[in-house]
C-alpha cells in the first residue's frame, strides 16, 4: 500500500487513463487509501480488469468508457458525476503543440 498514512474514505477520485500504466497504478493506490474511483478509459476490458484489482483491496470503481478526445461524449458522461475530490488527469494524447494552442473541434 503506497498511501497507507493517508485516509481517503468518503473521497471520490476521477482518474483518466485509468486502464493502464500510471493511471491504473494511481487508481489502485487511491482505492487502497479508501477513495471511491471513477475510472475513465477508452477500453472497457481494461476497466474490467481494473475493477477486479480494486475489489481485491475492497475498493469501489465506477467505470466510464470514453475517449477523452471526444469532447461531447466526455462532457455528457462527466455531467452525471456529482462530486470529485481528487483529479488524476493522466490520459495521454498525441497533439504535438503547446496546450494553450489546442482548439476544441466544432
C-alpha atoms as a PDB file:
ATOM      1  CA  UNK A   1       0.000   0.000   0.000  1.00  0.00           C
ATOM      2  CA  UNK A   2       1.559   3.256  -1.137  1.00  0.00           C
ATOM      3  CA  UNK A   3      -0.782   5.666   0.620  1.00  0.00           C
ATOM      4  CA  UNK A   4      -1.037   3.877   3.972  1.00  0.00           C
ATOM      5  CA  UNK A   5      -0.731   7.095   6.001  1.00  0.00           C
ATOM      6  CA  UNK A   6      -3.475   8.813   4.023  1.00  0.00           C
ATOM      7  CA  UNK A   7      -7.172   8.275   4.722  1.00  0.00           C
ATOM      8  CA  UNK A   8      -9.304   8.998   1.666  1.00  0.00           C
ATOM      9  CA  UNK A   9     -12.505   7.458   2.991  1.00  0.00           C
ATOM     10  CA  UNK A  10     -15.569   9.298   1.603  1.00  0.00           C
ATOM     11  CA  UNK A  11     -13.454  10.923  -1.135  1.00  0.00           C
ATOM     12  CA  UNK A  12     -14.043  10.468  -4.866  1.00  0.00           C
ATOM     13  CA  UNK A  13     -11.091  10.298  -7.259  1.00  0.00           C
ATOM     14  CA  UNK A  14     -11.557  10.716 -11.008  1.00  0.00           C
ATOM     15  CA  UNK A  15      -8.672   9.111 -12.909  1.00  0.00           C
ATOM     16  CA  UNK A  16      -8.311   9.493 -16.677  1.00  0.00           C
ATOM     17  CA  UNK A  17      -6.265   6.872 -18.474  1.00  0.00           C
ATOM     18  CA  UNK A  18      -7.205   4.519 -15.655  1.00  0.00           C
ATOM     19  CA  UNK A  19      -6.991   1.328 -17.672  1.00  0.00           C
ATOM     20  CA  UNK A  20      -3.222   1.052 -17.971  1.00  0.00           C
ATOM     21  CA  UNK A  21       0.127   2.168 -16.626  1.00  0.00           C
ATOM     22  CA  UNK A  22       0.330   5.124 -14.272  1.00  0.00           C
ATOM     23  CA  UNK A  23      -3.438   5.698 -14.285  1.00  0.00           C
ATOM     24  CA  UNK A  24      -4.079   2.098 -13.281  1.00  0.00           C
ATOM     25  CA  UNK A  25      -1.477   2.253 -10.502  1.00  0.00           C
ATOM     26  CA  UNK A  26      -2.909   5.557  -9.218  1.00  0.00           C
ATOM     27  CA  UNK A  27      -6.424   4.105  -9.225  1.00  0.00           C
ATOM     28  CA  UNK A  28      -5.389   1.081  -7.175  1.00  0.00           C
ATOM     29  CA  UNK A  29      -3.345   3.153  -4.707  1.00  0.00           C
ATOM     30  CA  UNK A  30      -6.182   5.641  -4.198  1.00  0.00           C
ATOM     31  CA  UNK A  31      -8.653   2.777  -3.705  1.00  0.00           C
ATOM     32  CA  UNK A  32      -6.323   1.210  -1.113  1.00  0.00           C
ATOM     33  CA  UNK A  33      -6.396   4.539   0.739  1.00  0.00           C
ATOM     34  CA  UNK A  34     -10.200   4.429   0.776  1.00  0.00           C
ATOM     35  CA  UNK A  35     -11.222   6.625  -2.152  1.00  0.00           C
ATOM     36  CA  UNK A  36     -14.037   5.683  -4.485  1.00  0.00           C
ATOM     37  CA  UNK A  37     -12.607   5.646  -8.007  1.00  0.00           C
ATOM     38  CA  UNK A  38     -14.201   6.938 -11.188  1.00  0.00           C
ATOM     39  CA  UNK A  39     -12.025   5.376 -13.880  1.00  0.00           C
ATOM     40  CA  UNK A  40     -12.037   6.749 -17.420  1.00  0.00           C
ATOM     41  CA  UNK A  41     -10.538   4.661 -20.211  1.00  0.00           C
ATOM     42  CA  UNK A  42     -11.113   4.020 -23.907  1.00  0.00           C
ATOM     43  CA  UNK A  43     -11.119   0.261 -23.320  1.00  0.00           C
ATOM     44  CA  UNK A  44     -13.873  -1.472 -21.375  1.00  0.00           C
ATOM     45  CA  UNK A  45     -11.822  -4.649 -20.919  1.00  0.00           C
ATOM     46  CA  UNK A  46      -9.046  -2.639 -19.215  1.00  0.00           C
ATOM     47  CA  UNK A  47     -11.602  -1.165 -16.821  1.00  0.00           C
ATOM     48  CA  UNK A  48     -12.994  -4.645 -16.133  1.00  0.00           C
ATOM     49  CA  UNK A  49      -9.503  -5.854 -15.149  1.00  0.00           C
ATOM     50  CA  UNK A  50      -9.001  -2.753 -13.002  1.00  0.00           C
ATOM     51  CA  UNK A  51     -12.307  -3.402 -11.260  1.00  0.00           C
ATOM     52  CA  UNK A  52     -11.148  -6.890 -10.238  1.00  0.00           C
ATOM     53  CA  UNK A  53      -7.962  -5.468  -8.696  1.00  0.00           C
ATOM     54  CA  UNK A  54      -9.831  -2.692  -6.913  1.00  0.00           C
ATOM     55  CA  UNK A  55     -12.279  -5.241  -5.486  1.00  0.00           C
ATOM     56  CA  UNK A  56      -9.280  -7.140  -4.063  1.00  0.00           C
ATOM     57  CA  UNK A  57      -8.461  -4.102  -1.913  1.00  0.00           C
ATOM     58  CA  UNK A  58     -12.158  -3.710  -1.016  1.00  0.00           C
ATOM     59  CA  UNK A  59     -12.481  -0.571  -3.124  1.00  0.00           C
ATOM     60  CA  UNK A  60     -15.199   0.737  -5.418  1.00  0.00           C
ATOM     61  CA  UNK A  61     -14.891   1.653  -9.096  1.00  0.00           C
ATOM     62  CA  UNK A  62     -17.307   3.439 -11.380  1.00  0.00           C
ATOM     63  CA  UNK A  63     -16.282   2.716 -14.969  1.00  0.00           C
ATOM     64  CA  UNK A  64     -16.555   5.284 -17.758  1.00  0.00           C
ATOM     65  CA  UNK A  65     -15.588   4.055 -21.204  1.00  0.00           C
ATOM     66  CA  UNK A  66     -14.765   7.141 -23.204  1.00  0.00           C
ATOM     67  CA  UNK A  67     -12.069   8.673 -25.390  1.00  0.00           C
ATOM     68  CA  UNK A  68     -11.272  11.990 -23.721  1.00  0.00           C
ATOM     69  CA  UNK A  69     -10.538  13.469 -27.152  1.00  0.00           C
ATOM     70  CA  UNK A  70     -14.261  13.182 -27.932  1.00  0.00           C
ATOM     71  CA  UNK A  71     -15.412  16.324 -26.121  1.00  0.00           C
ATOM     72  CA  UNK A  72     -19.164  15.786 -26.496  1.00  0.00           C
ATOM     73  CA  UNK A  73     -19.060  12.189 -25.242  1.00  0.00           C
ATOM     74  CA  UNK A  74     -16.758  13.109 -22.363  1.00  0.00           C
ATOM     75  CA  UNK A  75     -18.843  16.139 -21.417  1.00  0.00           C
ATOM     76  CA  UNK A  76     -22.117  14.194 -21.381  1.00  0.00           C
ATOM     77  CA  UNK A  77     -20.632  11.455 -19.203  1.00  0.00           C
ATOM     78  CA  UNK A  78     -18.938  13.816 -16.753  1.00  0.00           C
ATOM     79  CA  UNK A  79     -22.146  15.834 -16.239  1.00  0.00           C
ATOM     80  CA  UNK A  80     -23.589  12.799 -14.451  1.00  0.00           C
ATOM     81  CA  UNK A  81     -20.873  12.931 -11.777  1.00  0.00           C
ATOM     82  CA  UNK A  82     -21.998  14.702  -8.619  1.00  0.00           C
ATOM     83  CA  UNK A  83     -18.704  15.021  -6.726  1.00  0.00           C
ATOM     84  CA  UNK A  84     -14.969  14.841  -7.412  1.00  0.00           C
ATOM     85  CA  UNK A  85     -12.439  15.462  -4.648  1.00  0.00           C
ATOM     86  CA  UNK A  86      -9.304  14.255  -6.442  1.00  0.00           C
ATOM     87  CA  UNK A  87      -8.412  14.509 -10.133  1.00  0.00           C
ATOM     88  CA  UNK A  88      -5.638  12.479 -11.718  1.00  0.00           C
ATOM     89  CA  UNK A  89      -5.549  13.840 -15.267  1.00  0.00           C
ATOM     90  CA  UNK A  90      -3.360  11.112 -16.717  1.00  0.00           C
ATOM     91  CA  UNK A  91      -4.778  10.256 -20.143  1.00  0.00           C
ATOM     92  CA  UNK A  92      -2.296  10.810 -22.915  1.00  0.00           C
ATOM     93  CA  UNK A  93      -2.985  12.452 -26.236  1.00  0.00           C
ATOM     94  CA  UNK A  94      -0.883  12.911 -29.319  1.00  0.00           C
ATOM     95  CA  UNK A  95      -1.240  16.587 -30.140  1.00  0.00           C
ATOM     96  CA  UNK A  96       2.288  17.930 -30.674  1.00  0.00           C
ATOM     97  CA  UNK A  97       1.720  21.585 -29.800  1.00  0.00           C
ATOM     98  CA  UNK A  98       1.524  23.758 -26.678  1.00  0.00           C
ATOM     99  CA  UNK A  99      -1.597  23.190 -24.582  1.00  0.00           C
ATOM    100  CA  UNK A 100      -2.849  26.761 -24.944  1.00  0.00           C
ATOM    101  CA  UNK A 101      -2.914  26.440 -28.750  1.00  0.00           C
ATOM    102  CA  UNK A 102      -5.105  23.324 -28.846  1.00  0.00           C
ATOM    103  CA  UNK A 103      -8.590  24.148 -30.072  1.00  0.00           C
ATOM    104  CA  UNK A 104     -11.771  22.219 -29.402  1.00  0.00           C
ATOM    105  CA  UNK A 105     -13.144  20.775 -32.616  1.00  0.00           C
ATOM    106  CA  UNK A 106     -16.551  22.127 -33.569  1.00  0.00           C
END
